[in-house]
Amino acid sequence: MTTARLSAATWSLSVMATAALLVGCSASVSVGSSEPKLSADKLAATVSEKLARTTGRPEPDVVCPEDLVGKVGTTTRCELTADDGSTLGVSVDVTSVDGEQINFDIKADETASPAPN
């Protein structure tokens, strides 16, 4: 019982540290089309890569439900799933578009949802 609490506490601290590191992180992707749009899969990969570089940990499993349209103010939500099955929401906000280049901020939620039992 103590071990489970320690593991959950350790993971929670890791998630909080990750969320703190992601506040204000930015990414930029060139999409190569007349109407800039980043596919959901490419967005998830970019968020995962950015998180891994920021934290120094392996790339987490990230899923984004929709493509990111290259229009300033566009927002989408992605979901990061940890090894233990708990999840953390991640907001992606388009900050600028320069031709085919979509620039966006990535911010993780402050708290994670526990893994389903």
PDB file of N, CA and C in Angstrom:
ATOM      1  N   MET A   1       0.826  -1.191   0.000  1.00  0.00           N
ATOM      2  CA  MET A   1       0.000   0.000   0.000  1.00  0.00           C
ATOM      3  C   MET A   1       0.873   1.258   0.000  1.00  0.00           C
ATOM      4  N   THR A   2       1.937   1.237   0.780  1.00  0.00           N
ATOM      5  CA  THR A   2       2.847   2.375   0.789  1.00  0.00           C
ATOM      6  C   THR A   2       3.515   2.531  -0.570  1.00  0.00           C
ATOM      7  N   THR A   3       3.858   1.425  -1.199  1.00  0.00           N
ATOM      8  CA  THR A   3       4.506   1.483  -2.508  1.00  0.00           C
ATOM      9  C   THR A   3       3.593   2.134  -3.537  1.00  0.00           C
ATOM     10  N   ALA A   4       2.323   1.777  -3.538  1.00  0.00           N
ATOM     11  CA  ALA A   4       1.381   2.365  -4.499  1.00  0.00           C
ATOM     12  C   ALA A   4       1.275   3.867  -4.277  1.00  0.00           C
ATOM     13  N   ARG A   5       1.213   4.281  -3.041  1.00  0.00           N
ATOM     14  CA  ARG A   5       1.134   5.712  -2.752  1.00  0.00           C
ATOM     15  C   ARG A   5       2.395   6.431  -3.214  1.00  0.00           C
ATOM     16  N   LEU A   6       3.533   5.817  -2.956  1.00  0.00           N
ATOM     17  CA  LEU A   6       4.794   6.422  -3.361  1.00  0.00           C
ATOM     18  C   LEU A   6       4.858   6.530  -4.880  1.00  0.00           C
ATOM     19  N   SER A   7       4.454   5.489  -5.586  1.00  0.00           N
ATOM     20  CA  SER A   7       4.487   5.521  -7.044  1.00  0.00           C
ATOM     21  C   SER A   7       3.553   6.587  -7.583  1.00  0.00           C
ATOM     22  N   ALA A   8       2.355   6.667  -7.030  1.00  0.00           N
ATOM     23  CA  ALA A   8       1.392   7.672  -7.486  1.00  0.00           C
ATOM     24  C   ALA A   8       1.902   9.069  -7.181  1.00  0.00           C
ATOM     25  N   ALA A   9       2.486   9.245  -5.999  1.00  0.00           N
ATOM     26  CA  ALA A   9       3.011  10.561  -5.628  1.00  0.00           C
ATOM     27  C   ALA A   9       4.186  10.938  -6.524  1.00  0.00           C
ATOM     28  N   THR A  10       5.054   9.973  -6.779  1.00  0.00           N
ATOM     29  CA  THR A  10       6.202  10.233  -7.641  1.00  0.00           C
ATOM     30  C   THR A  10       5.735  10.601  -9.040  1.00  0.00           C
ATOM     31  N   TRP A  11       4.759   9.846  -9.573  1.00  0.00           N
ATOM     32  CA  TRP A  11       4.249  10.139 -10.909  1.00  0.00           C
ATOM     33  C   TRP A  11       3.576  11.502 -10.932  1.00  0.00           C
ATOM     34  N   SER A  12       2.786  11.830  -9.914  1.00  0.00           N
ATOM     35  CA  SER A  12       2.120  13.127  -9.864  1.00  0.00           C
ATOM     36  C   SER A  12       3.131  14.259  -9.880  1.00  0.00           C
ATOM     37  N   LEU A  13       4.212  14.116  -9.131  1.00  0.00           N
ATOM     38  CA  LEU A  13       5.256  15.135  -9.134  1.00  0.00           C
ATOM     39  C   LEU A  13       5.890  15.239 -10.517  1.00  0.00           C
ATOM     40  N   SER A  14       6.077  14.108 -11.172  1.00  0.00           N
ATOM     41  CA  SER A  14       6.653  14.112 -12.515  1.00  0.00           C
ATOM     42  C   SER A  14       5.724  14.825 -13.491  1.00  0.00           C
ATOM     43  N   VAL A  15       4.420  14.563 -13.397  1.00  0.00           N
ATOM     44  CA  VAL A  15       3.450  15.218 -14.280  1.00  0.00           C
ATOM     45  C   VAL A  15       3.428  16.709 -14.013  1.00  0.00           C
ATOM     46  N   MET A  16       3.431  17.108 -12.745  1.00  0.00           N
ATOM     47  CA  MET A  16       3.418  18.531 -12.416  1.00  0.00           C
ATOM     48  C   MET A  16       4.682  19.220 -12.936  1.00  0.00           C
ATOM     49  N   ALA A  17       5.817  18.555 -12.801  1.00  0.00           N
ATOM     50  CA  ALA A  17       7.057  19.133 -13.308  1.00  0.00           C
ATOM     51  C   ALA A  17       6.993  19.265 -14.822  1.00  0.00           C
ATOM     52  N   THR A  18       6.455  18.254 -15.473  1.00  0.00           N
ATOM     53  CA  THR A  18       6.296  18.308 -16.926  1.00  0.00           C
ATOM     54  C   THR A  18       5.378  19.444 -17.317  1.00  0.00           C
ATOM     55  N   ALA A  19       4.256  19.577 -16.627  1.00  0.00           N
ATOM     56  CA  ALA A  19       3.311  20.651 -16.939  1.00  0.00           C
ATOM     57  C   ALA A  19       3.983  22.009 -16.751  1.00  0.00           C
ATOM     58  N   ALA A  20       4.748  22.144 -15.699  1.00  0.00           N
ATOM     59  CA  ALA A  20       5.431  23.416 -15.454  1.00  0.00           C
ATOM     60  C   ALA A  20       6.435  23.712 -16.561  1.00  0.00           C
ATOM     61  N   LEU A  21       7.103  22.692 -17.044  1.00  0.00           N
ATOM     62  CA  LEU A  21       8.080  22.895 -18.107  1.00  0.00           C
ATOM     63  C   LEU A  21       7.414  23.264 -19.429  1.00  0.00           C
ATOM     64  N   LEU A  22       6.194  22.806 -19.639  1.00  0.00           N
ATOM     65  CA  LEU A  22       5.528  23.066 -20.910  1.00  0.00           C
ATOM     66  C   LEU A  22       4.833  24.413 -20.965  1.00  0.00           C
ATOM     67  N   VAL A  23       4.642  25.058 -19.852  1.00  0.00           N
ATOM     68  CA  VAL A  23       3.988  26.359 -19.879  1.00  0.00           C
ATOM     69  C   VAL A  23       4.827  27.308 -20.718  1.00  0.00           C
ATOM     70  N   GLY A  24       4.219  27.833 -21.762  1.00  0.00           N
ATOM     71  CA  GLY A  24       4.917  28.794 -22.607  1.00  0.00           C
ATOM     72  C   GLY A  24       5.827  28.188 -23.648  1.00  0.00           C
ATOM     73  N   CYS A  25       5.860  26.867 -23.800  1.00  0.00           N
ATOM     74  CA  CYS A  25       6.658  26.254 -24.856  1.00  0.00           C
ATOM     75  C   CYS A  25       6.032  26.571 -26.198  1.00  0.00           C
ATOM     76  N   SER A  26       6.864  26.716 -27.184  1.00  0.00           N
ATOM     77  CA  SER A  26       6.387  27.021 -28.522  1.00  0.00           C
ATOM     78  C   SER A  26       6.969  26.033 -29.508  1.00  0.00           C
ATOM     79  N   ALA A  27       6.256  25.869 -30.607  1.00  0.00           N
ATOM     80  CA  ALA A  27       6.742  25.035 -31.690  1.00  0.00           C
ATOM     81  C   ALA A  27       6.373  25.707 -32.994  1.00  0.00           C
ATOM     82  N   SER A  28       7.024  25.275 -34.045  1.00  0.00           N
ATOM     83  CA  SER A  28       6.785  25.859 -35.348  1.00  0.00           C
ATOM     84  C   SER A  28       6.927  24.759 -36.382  1.00  0.00           C
ATOM     85  N   VAL A  29       5.971  24.687 -37.313  1.00  0.00           N
ATOM     86  CA  VAL A  29       5.987  23.641 -38.319  1.00  0.00           C
ATOM     87  C   VAL A  29       5.636  24.225 -39.672  1.00  0.00           C
ATOM     88  N   SER A  30       6.386  23.850 -40.691  1.00  0.00           N
ATOM     89  CA  SER A  30       6.077  24.254 -42.056  1.00  0.00           C
ATOM     90  C   SER A  30       5.241  23.149 -42.687  1.00  0.00           C
ATOM     91  N   VAL A  31       4.093  23.521 -43.260  1.00  0.00           N
ATOM     92  CA  VAL A  31       3.157  22.515 -43.744  1.00  0.00           C
ATOM     93  C   VAL A  31       3.092  22.375 -45.251  1.00  0.00           C
ATOM     94  N   GLY A  32       3.530  23.350 -46.008  1.00  0.00           N
ATOM     95  CA  GLY A  32       3.622  23.224 -47.451  1.00  0.00           C
ATOM     96  C   GLY A  32       2.317  23.159 -48.205  1.00  0.00           C
ATOM     97  N   SER A  33       1.367  24.025 -47.903  1.00  0.00           N
ATOM     98  CA  SER A  33       0.137  24.082 -48.685  1.00  0.00           C
ATOM     99  C   SER A  33      -0.371  25.512 -48.720  1.00  0.00           C
ATOM    100  N   SER A  34      -1.341  25.775 -49.621  1.00  0.00           N
ATOM    101  CA  SER A  34      -1.868  27.133 -49.734  1.00  0.00           C
ATOM    102  C   SER A  34      -2.688  27.517 -48.504  1.00  0.00           C
ATOM    103  N   GLU A  35      -3.401  26.565 -47.930  1.00  0.00           N
ATOM    104  CA  GLU A  35      -4.116  26.807 -46.673  1.00  0.00           C
ATOM    105  C   GLU A  35      -3.381  26.017 -45.601  1.00  0.00           C
ATOM    106  N   PRO A  36      -2.607  26.703 -44.775  1.00  0.00           N
ATOM    107  CA  PRO A  36      -1.810  25.967 -43.795  1.00  0.00           C
ATOM    108  C   PRO A  36      -2.688  25.142 -42.862  1.00  0.00           C
ATOM    109  N   LYS A  37      -2.351  23.878 -42.767  1.00  0.00           N
ATOM    110  CA  LYS A  37      -3.059  22.961 -41.872  1.00  0.00           C
ATOM    111  C   LYS A  37      -2.076  21.869 -41.503  1.00  0.00           C
ATOM    112  N   LEU A  38      -2.025  21.539 -40.225  1.00  0.00           N
ATOM    113  CA  LEU A  38      -1.138  20.500 -39.733  1.00  0.00           C
ATOM    114  C   LEU A  38      -2.000  19.300 -39.359  1.00  0.00           C
ATOM    115  N   SER A  39      -1.693  18.134 -39.905  1.00  0.00           N
ATOM    116  CA  SER A  39      -2.499  16.946 -39.613  1.00  0.00           C
ATOM    117  C   SER A  39      -2.440  16.615 -38.124  1.00  0.00           C
ATOM    118  N   ALA A  40      -3.477  15.961 -37.649  1.00  0.00           N
ATOM    119  CA  ALA A  40      -3.549  15.571 -36.244  1.00  0.00           C
ATOM    120  C   ALA A  40      -2.360  14.687 -35.859  1.00  0.00           C
ATOM    121  N   ASP A  41      -1.964  13.776 -36.746  1.00  0.00           N
ATOM    122  CA  ASP A  41      -0.831  12.890 -36.455  1.00  0.00           C
ATOM    123  C   ASP A  41       0.483  13.657 -36.359  1.00  0.00           C
ATOM    124  N   LYS A  42       0.705  14.591 -37.280  1.00  0.00           N
ATOM    125  CA  LYS A  42       1.934  15.396 -37.256  1.00  0.00           C
ATOM    126  C   LYS A  42       1.956  16.314 -36.029  1.00  0.00           C
ATOM    127  N   LEU A  43       0.792  16.856 -35.678  1.00  0.00           N
ATOM    128  CA  LEU A  43       0.702  17.696 -34.481  1.00  0.00           C
ATOM    129  C   LEU A  43       1.051  16.886 -33.239  1.00  0.00           C
ATOM    130  N   ALA A  44       0.486  15.680 -33.121  1.00  0.00           N
ATOM    131  CA  ALA A  44       0.770  14.820 -31.970  1.00  0.00           C
ATOM    132  C   ALA A  44       2.266  14.493 -31.897  1.00  0.00           C
ATOM    133  N   ALA A  45       2.867  14.199 -33.041  1.00  0.00           N
ATOM    134  CA  ALA A  45       4.295  13.890 -33.071  1.00  0.00           C
ATOM    135  C   ALA A  45       5.128  15.098 -32.652  1.00  0.00           C
ATOM    136  N   THR A  46       4.733  16.283 -33.112  1.00  0.00           N
ATOM    137  CA  THR A  46       5.464  17.504 -32.762  1.00  0.00           C
ATOM    138  C   THR A  46       5.361  17.793 -31.263  1.00  0.00           C
ATOM    139  N   VAL A  47       4.157  17.660 -30.705  1.00  0.00           N
ATOM    140  CA  VAL A  47       3.957  17.880 -29.267  1.00  0.00           C
ATOM    141  C   VAL A  47       4.788  16.869 -28.476  1.00  0.00           C
ATOM    142  N   SER A  48       4.768  15.609 -28.884  1.00  0.00           N
ATOM    143  CA  SER A  48       5.524  14.562 -28.197  1.00  0.00           C
ATOM    144  C   SER A  48       7.028  14.840 -28.250  1.00  0.00           C
ATOM    145  N   GLU A  49       7.531  15.225 -29.430  1.00  0.00           N
ATOM    146  CA  GLU A  49       8.953  15.546 -29.577  1.00  0.00           C
ATOM    147  C   GLU A  49       9.346  16.728 -28.698  1.00  0.00           C
ATOM    148  N   LYS A  50       8.521  17.771 -28.692  1.00  0.00           N
ATOM    149  CA  LYS A  50       8.808  18.965 -27.892  1.00  0.00           C
ATOM    150  C   LYS A  50       8.841  18.612 -26.409  1.00  0.00           C
ATOM    151  N   LEU A  51       7.888  17.802 -25.973  1.00  0.00           N
ATOM    152  CA  LEU A  51       7.844  17.385 -24.572  1.00  0.00           C
ATOM    153  C   LEU A  51       9.101  16.593 -24.214  1.00  0.00           C
ATOM    154  N   ALA A  52       9.502  15.676 -25.068  1.00  0.00           N
ATOM    155  CA  ALA A  52      10.691  14.864 -24.789  1.00  0.00           C
ATOM    156  C   ALA A  52      11.936  15.741 -24.699  1.00  0.00           C
ATOM    157  N   ARG A  53      12.081  16.703 -25.613  1.00  0.00           N
ATOM    158  CA  ARG A  53      13.246  17.602 -25.570  1.00  0.00           C
ATOM    159  C   ARG A  53      13.234  18.462 -24.315  1.00  0.00           C
ATOM    160  N   THR A  54      12.052  18.925 -23.915  1.00  0.00           N
ATOM    161  CA  THR A  54      11.938  19.812 -22.758  1.00  0.00           C
ATOM    162  C   THR A  54      12.236  19.087 -21.454  1.00  0.00           C
ATOM    163  N   THR A  55      11.777  17.830 -21.347  1.00  0.00           N
ATOM    164  CA  THR A  55      11.914  17.098 -20.086  1.00  0.00           C
ATOM    165  C   THR A  55      13.126  16.181 -20.039  1.00  0.00           C
ATOM    166  N   GLY A  56      13.712  15.870 -21.203  1.00  0.00           N
ATOM    167  CA  GLY A  56      14.826  14.932 -21.231  1.00  0.00           C
ATOM    168  C   GLY A  56      14.377  13.495 -21.040  1.00  0.00           C
ATOM    169  N   ARG A  57      13.089  13.237 -21.229  1.00  0.00           N
ATOM    170  CA  ARG A  57      12.533  11.894 -21.084  1.00  0.00           C
ATOM    171  C   ARG A  57      12.133  11.366 -22.450  1.00  0.00           C
ATOM    172  N   PRO A  58      11.826  10.072 -22.552  1.00  0.00           N
ATOM    173  CA  PRO A  58      11.386   9.516 -23.840  1.00  0.00           C
ATOM    174  C   PRO A  58      10.081  10.183 -24.307  1.00  0.00           C
ATOM    175  N   GLU A  59       9.848  10.121 -25.611  1.00  0.00           N
ATOM    176  CA  GLU A  59       8.634  10.717 -26.168  1.00  0.00           C
ATOM    177  C   GLU A  59       7.396  10.019 -25.611  1.00  0.00           C
ATOM    178  N   PRO A  60       6.459  10.785 -25.061  1.00  0.00           N
ATOM    179  CA  PRO A  60       5.236  10.189 -24.526  1.00  0.00           C
ATOM    180  C   PRO A  60       4.234   9.915 -25.643  1.00  0.00           C
ATOM    181  N   ASP A  61       3.208   9.143 -25.314  1.00  0.00           N
ATOM    182  CA  ASP A  61       2.122   8.861 -26.245  1.00  0.00           C
ATOM    183  C   ASP A  61       1.169  10.058 -26.232  1.00  0.00           C
ATOM    184  N   VAL A  62       1.069  10.758 -27.343  1.00  0.00           N
ATOM    185  CA  VAL A  62       0.196  11.925 -27.464  1.00  0.00           C
ATOM    186  C   VAL A  62      -0.758  11.697 -28.628  1.00  0.00           C
ATOM    187  N   VAL A  63      -2.031  12.009 -28.423  1.00  0.00           N
ATOM    188  CA  VAL A  63      -3.050  11.899 -29.464  1.00  0.00           C
ATOM    189  C   VAL A  63      -3.746  13.246 -29.587  1.00  0.00           C
ATOM    190  N   CYS A  64      -3.879  13.717 -30.817  1.00  0.00           N
ATOM    191  CA  CYS A  64      -4.615  14.950 -31.099  1.00  0.00           C
ATOM    192  C   CYS A  64      -5.815  14.566 -31.966  1.00  0.00           C
ATOM    193  N   PRO A  65      -7.019  14.975 -31.590  1.00  0.00           N
ATOM    194  CA  PRO A  65      -8.223  14.516 -32.279  1.00  0.00           C
ATOM    195  C   PRO A  65      -8.511  15.186 -33.620  1.00  0.00           C
ATOM    196  N   GLU A  66      -7.843  16.297 -33.901  1.00  0.00           N
ATOM    197  CA  GLU A  66      -8.166  17.016 -35.137  1.00  0.00           C
ATOM    198  C   GLU A  66      -6.939  17.714 -35.692  1.00  0.00           C
ATOM    199  N   ASP A  67      -7.005  18.053 -36.979  1.00  0.00           N
ATOM    200  CA  ASP A  67      -5.949  18.819 -37.615  1.00  0.00           C
ATOM    201  C   ASP A  67      -5.901  20.217 -36.995  1.00  0.00           C
ATOM    202  N   LEU A  68      -4.745  20.840 -37.064  1.00  0.00           N
ATOM    203  CA  LEU A  68      -4.576  22.208 -36.571  1.00  0.00           C
ATOM    204  C   LEU A  68      -4.593  23.155 -37.761  1.00  0.00           C
ATOM    205  N   VAL A  69      -5.594  24.001 -37.831  1.00  0.00           N
ATOM    206  CA  VAL A  69      -5.721  24.975 -38.912  1.00  0.00           C
ATOM    207  C   VAL A  69      -4.807  26.152 -38.615  1.00  0.00           C
ATOM    208  N   GLY A  70      -4.067  26.586 -39.623  1.00  0.00           N
ATOM    209  CA  GLY A  70      -3.124  27.683 -39.459  1.00  0.00           C
ATOM    210  C   GLY A  70      -3.800  29.038 -39.486  1.00  0.00           C
ATOM    211  N   LYS A  71      -4.527  29.330 -38.440  1.00  0.00           N
ATOM    212  CA  LYS A  71      -5.202  30.613 -38.296  1.00  0.00           C
ATOM    213  C   LYS A  71      -4.968  31.090 -36.862  1.00  0.00           C
ATOM    214  N   VAL A  72      -4.441  32.303 -36.709  1.00  0.00           N
ATOM    215  CA  VAL A  72      -4.133  32.831 -35.384  1.00  0.00           C
ATOM    216  C   VAL A  72      -5.375  32.740 -34.495  1.00  0.00           C
ATOM    217  N   GLY A  73      -5.184  32.237 -33.295  1.00  0.00           N
ATOM    218  CA  GLY A  73      -6.276  32.090 -32.339  1.00  0.00           C
ATOM    219  C   GLY A  73      -6.901  30.704 -32.330  1.00  0.00           C
ATOM    220  N   THR A  74      -6.580  29.873 -33.327  1.00  0.00           N
ATOM    221  CA  THR A  74      -7.110  28.509 -33.358  1.00  0.00           C
ATOM    222  C   THR A  74      -6.514  27.720 -32.202  1.00  0.00           C
ATOM    223  N   THR A  75      -7.362  26.959 -31.527  1.00  0.00           N
ATOM    224  CA  THR A  75      -6.938  26.147 -30.391  1.00  0.00           C
ATOM    225  C   THR A  75      -7.441  24.725 -30.567  1.00  0.00           C
ATOM    226  N   THR A  76      -6.633  23.763 -30.168  1.00  0.00           N
ATOM    227  CA  THR A  76      -7.073  22.379 -30.118  1.00  0.00           C
ATOM    228  C   THR A  76      -6.530  21.749 -28.849  1.00  0.00           C
ATOM    229  N   ARG A  77      -7.095  20.618 -28.488  1.00  0.00           N
ATOM    230  CA  ARG A  77      -6.661  19.898 -27.288  1.00  0.00           C
ATOM    231  C   ARG A  77      -6.137  18.533 -27.685  1.00  0.00           C
ATOM    232  N   CYS A  78      -5.001  18.186 -27.128  1.00  0.00           N
ATOM    233  CA  CYS A  78      -4.420  16.867 -27.318  1.00  0.00           C
ATOM    234  C   CYS A  78      -4.406  16.170 -25.961  1.00  0.00           C
ATOM    235  N   GLU A  79      -4.122  14.874 -25.975  1.00  0.00           N
ATOM    236  CA  GLU A  79      -4.087  14.128 -24.725  1.00  0.00           C
ATOM    237  C   GLU A  79      -2.822  13.285 -24.654  1.00  0.00           C
ATOM    238  N   LEU A  80      -2.113  13.429 -23.555  1.00  0.00           N
ATOM    239  CA  LEU A  80      -0.903  12.670 -23.285  1.00  0.00           C
ATOM    240  C   LEU A  80      -1.285  11.531 -22.349  1.00  0.00           C
ATOM    241  N   THR A  81      -0.882  10.311 -22.679  1.00  0.00           N
ATOM    242  CA  THR A  81      -1.147   9.161 -21.819  1.00  0.00           C
ATOM    243  C   THR A  81       0.172   8.657 -21.260  1.00  0.00           C
ATOM    244  N   ALA A  82       0.246   8.578 -19.938  1.00  0.00           N
ATOM    245  CA  ALA A  82       1.458   8.097 -19.260  1.00  0.00           C
ATOM    246  C   ALA A  82       1.486   6.572 -19.264  1.00  0.00           C
ATOM    247  N   ASP A  83       2.635   6.014 -18.917  1.00  0.00           N
ATOM    248  CA  ASP A  83       2.797   4.561 -18.886  1.00  0.00           C
ATOM    249  C   ASP A  83       1.798   3.880 -17.962  1.00  0.00           C
ATOM    250  N   ASP A  84       1.376   4.559 -16.892  1.00  0.00           N
ATOM    251  CA  ASP A  84       0.443   3.960 -15.942  1.00  0.00           C
ATOM    252  C   ASP A  84      -1.016   4.129 -16.373  1.00  0.00           C
ATOM    253  N   GLY A  85      -1.262   4.745 -17.528  1.00  0.00           N
ATOM    254  CA  GLY A  85      -2.622   4.910 -18.038  1.00  0.00           C
ATOM    255  C   GLY A  85      -3.281   6.218 -17.662  1.00  0.00           C
ATOM    256  N   SER A  86      -2.660   7.000 -16.801  1.00  0.00           N
ATOM    257  CA  SER A  86      -3.233   8.294 -16.460  1.00  0.00           C
ATOM    258  C   SER A  86      -3.036   9.242 -17.650  1.00  0.00           C
ATOM    259  N   THR A  87      -3.864  10.282 -17.720  1.00  0.00           N
ATOM    260  CA  THR A  87      -3.824  11.180 -18.864  1.00  0.00           C
ATOM    261  C   THR A  87      -3.638  12.629 -18.433  1.00  0.00           C
ATOM    262  N   LEU A  88      -3.110  13.415 -19.352  1.00  0.00           N
ATOM    263  CA  LEU A  88      -2.876  14.827 -19.119  1.00  0.00           C
ATOM    264  C   LEU A  88      -3.282  15.571 -20.381  1.00  0.00           C
ATOM    265  N   GLY A  89      -4.143  16.568 -20.240  1.00  0.00           N
ATOM    266  CA  GLY A  89      -4.556  17.363 -21.383  1.00  0.00           C
ATOM    267  C   GLY A  89      -3.479  18.350 -21.771  1.00  0.00           C
ATOM    268  N   VAL A  90      -3.391  18.627 -23.070  1.00  0.00           N
ATOM    269  CA  VAL A  90      -2.411  19.568 -23.595  1.00  0.00           C
ATOM    270  C   VAL A  90      -3.124  20.506 -24.564  1.00  0.00           C
ATOM    271  N   SER A  91      -3.028  21.807 -24.316  1.00  0.00           N
ATOM    272  CA  SER A  91      -3.621  22.806 -25.205  1.00  0.00           C
ATOM    273  C   SER A  91      -2.593  23.256 -26.226  1.00  0.00           C
ATOM    274  N   VAL A  92      -3.040  23.425 -27.465  1.00  0.00           N
ATOM    275  CA  VAL A  92      -2.189  23.921 -28.544  1.00  0.00           C
ATOM    276  C   VAL A  92      -2.879  25.151 -29.119  1.00  0.00           C
ATOM    277  N   ASP A  93      -2.197  26.302 -29.096  1.00  0.00           N
ATOM    278  CA  ASP A  93      -2.768  27.570 -29.545  1.00  0.00           C
ATOM    279  C   ASP A  93      -1.903  28.173 -30.650  1.00  0.00           C
ATOM    280  N   VAL A  94      -2.507  28.435 -31.811  1.00  0.00           N
ATOM    281  CA  VAL A  94      -1.782  29.054 -32.919  1.00  0.00           C
ATOM    282  C   VAL A  94      -1.511  30.513 -32.560  1.00  0.00           C
ATOM    283  N   THR A  95      -0.235  30.893 -32.591  1.00  0.00           N
ATOM    284  CA  THR A  95       0.161  32.256 -32.230  1.00  0.00           C
ATOM    285  C   THR A  95       0.441  33.125 -33.447  1.00  0.00           C
ATOM    286  N   SER A  96       0.897  32.508 -34.533  1.00  0.00           N
ATOM    287  CA  SER A  96       1.141  33.260 -35.765  1.00  0.00           C
ATOM    288  C   SER A  96       1.268  32.288 -36.933  1.00  0.00           C
ATOM    289  N   VAL A  97       1.063  32.830 -38.106  1.00  0.00           N
ATOM    290  CA  VAL A  97       1.219  32.055 -39.338  1.00  0.00           C
ATOM    291  C   VAL A  97       2.025  32.918 -40.293  1.00  0.00           C
ATOM    292  N   ASP A  98       3.095  32.339 -40.836  1.00  0.00           N
ATOM    293  CA  ASP A  98       3.949  33.065 -41.773  1.00  0.00           C
ATOM    294  C   ASP A  98       4.036  32.221 -43.042  1.00  0.00           C
ATOM    295  N   GLY A  99       3.161  32.494 -44.006  1.00  0.00           N
ATOM    296  CA  GLY A  99       3.102  31.683 -45.216  1.00  0.00           C
ATOM    297  C   GLY A  99       2.648  30.285 -44.879  1.00  0.00           C
ATOM    298  N   GLU A 100       3.533  29.310 -45.065  1.00  0.00           N
ATOM    299  CA  GLU A 100       3.219  27.909 -44.764  1.00  0.00           C
ATOM    300  C   GLU A 100       3.640  27.510 -43.353  1.00  0.00           C
ATOM    301  N   GLN A 101       4.224  28.415 -42.621  1.00  0.00           N
ATOM    302  CA  GLN A 101       4.748  28.140 -41.278  1.00  0.00           C
ATOM    303  C   GLN A 101       3.689  28.451 -40.219  1.00  0.00           C
ATOM    304  N   ILE A 102       3.303  27.426 -39.447  1.00  0.00           N
ATOM    305  CA  ILE A 102       2.359  27.606 -38.339  1.00  0.00           C
ATOM    306  C   ILE A 102       3.162  27.615 -37.039  1.00  0.00           C
ATOM    307  N   ASN A 103       3.045  28.682 -36.267  1.00  0.00           N
ATOM    308  CA  ASN A 103       3.718  28.793 -34.969  1.00  0.00           C
ATOM    309  C   ASN A 103       2.663  28.639 -33.879  1.00  0.00           C
ATOM    310  N   PHE A 104       2.971  27.824 -32.877  1.00  0.00           N
ATOM    311  CA  PHE A 104       1.979  27.592 -31.831  1.00  0.00           C
ATOM    312  C   PHE A 104       2.636  27.369 -30.480  1.00  0.00           C
ATOM    313  N   ASP A 105       1.847  27.667 -29.434  1.00  0.00           N
ATOM    314  CA  ASP A 105       2.267  27.425 -28.056  1.00  0.00           C
ATOM    315  C   ASP A 105       1.651  26.116 -27.582  1.00  0.00           C
ATOM    316  N   ILE A 106       2.371  25.438 -26.705  1.00  0.00           N
ATOM    317  CA  ILE A 106       1.921  24.181 -26.120  1.00  0.00           C
ATOM    318  C   ILE A 106       1.876  24.361 -24.609  1.00  0.00           C
ATOM    319  N   LYS A 107       0.752  24.017 -24.002  1.00  0.00           N
ATOM    320  CA  LYS A 107       0.639  24.131 -22.544  1.00  0.00           C
ATOM    321  C   LYS A 107      -0.100  22.916 -21.991  1.00  0.00           C
ATOM    322  N   ALA A 108       0.544  22.235 -21.069  1.00  0.00           N
ATOM    323  CA  ALA A 108      -0.070  21.075 -20.425  1.00  0.00           C
ATOM    324  C   ALA A 108      -0.939  21.520 -19.252  1.00  0.00           C
ATOM    325  N   ASP A 109      -2.004  20.757 -19.000  1.00  0.00           N
ATOM    326  CA  ASP A 109      -2.848  21.021 -17.842  1.00  0.00           C
ATOM    327  C   ASP A 109      -2.027  20.863 -16.565  1.00  0.00           C
ATOM    328  N   GLU A 110      -2.508  21.453 -15.503  1.00  0.00           N
ATOM    329  CA  GLU A 110      -1.790  21.383 -14.224  1.00  0.00           C
ATOM    330  C   GLU A 110      -2.001  20.054 -13.503  1.00  0.00           C
ATOM    331  N   THR A 111      -3.124  19.390 -13.753  1.00  0.00           N
ATOM    332  CA  THR A 111      -3.388  18.133 -13.071  1.00  0.00           C
ATOM    333  C   THR A 111      -3.742  17.047 -14.077  1.00  0.00           C
ATOM    334  N   ALA A 112      -3.378  15.829 -13.729  1.00  0.00           N
ATOM    335  CA  ALA A 112      -3.645  14.680 -14.577  1.00  0.00           C
ATOM    336  C   ALA A 112      -4.904  13.962 -14.119  1.00  0.00           C
ATOM    337  N   SER A 113      -5.511  13.220 -15.029  1.00  0.00           N
ATOM    338  CA  SER A 113      -6.637  12.356 -14.690  1.00  0.00           C
ATOM    339  C   SER A 113      -6.072  10.982 -14.399  1.00  0.00           C
ATOM    340  N   PRO A 114      -6.535  10.347 -13.313  1.00  0.00           N
ATOM    341  CA  PRO A 114      -5.997   9.016 -12.976  1.00  0.00           C
ATOM    342  C   PRO A 114      -6.366   7.979 -14.026  1.00  0.00           C
ATOM    343  N   ALA A 115      -5.601   6.923 -14.042  1.00  0.00           N
ATOM    344  CA  ALA A 115      -5.867   5.820 -14.968  1.00  0.00           C
ATOM    345  C   ALA A 115      -7.190   5.154 -14.596  1.00  0.00           C
ATOM    346  N   PRO A 116      -7.941   4.717 -15.605  1.00  0.00           N
ATOM    347  CA  PRO A 116      -9.179   3.993 -15.305  1.00  0.00           C
ATOM    348  C   PRO A 116      -8.835   2.677 -14.600  1.00  0.00           C
ATOM    349  N   ASN A 117      -9.690   2.252 -13.705  1.00  0.00           N
ATOM    350  CA  ASN A 117      -9.435   1.006 -12.953  1.00  0.00           C
ATOM    351  C   ASN A 117      -9.812  -0.201 -13.715  1.00  0.00           C
TER     352      ASN A 117
END
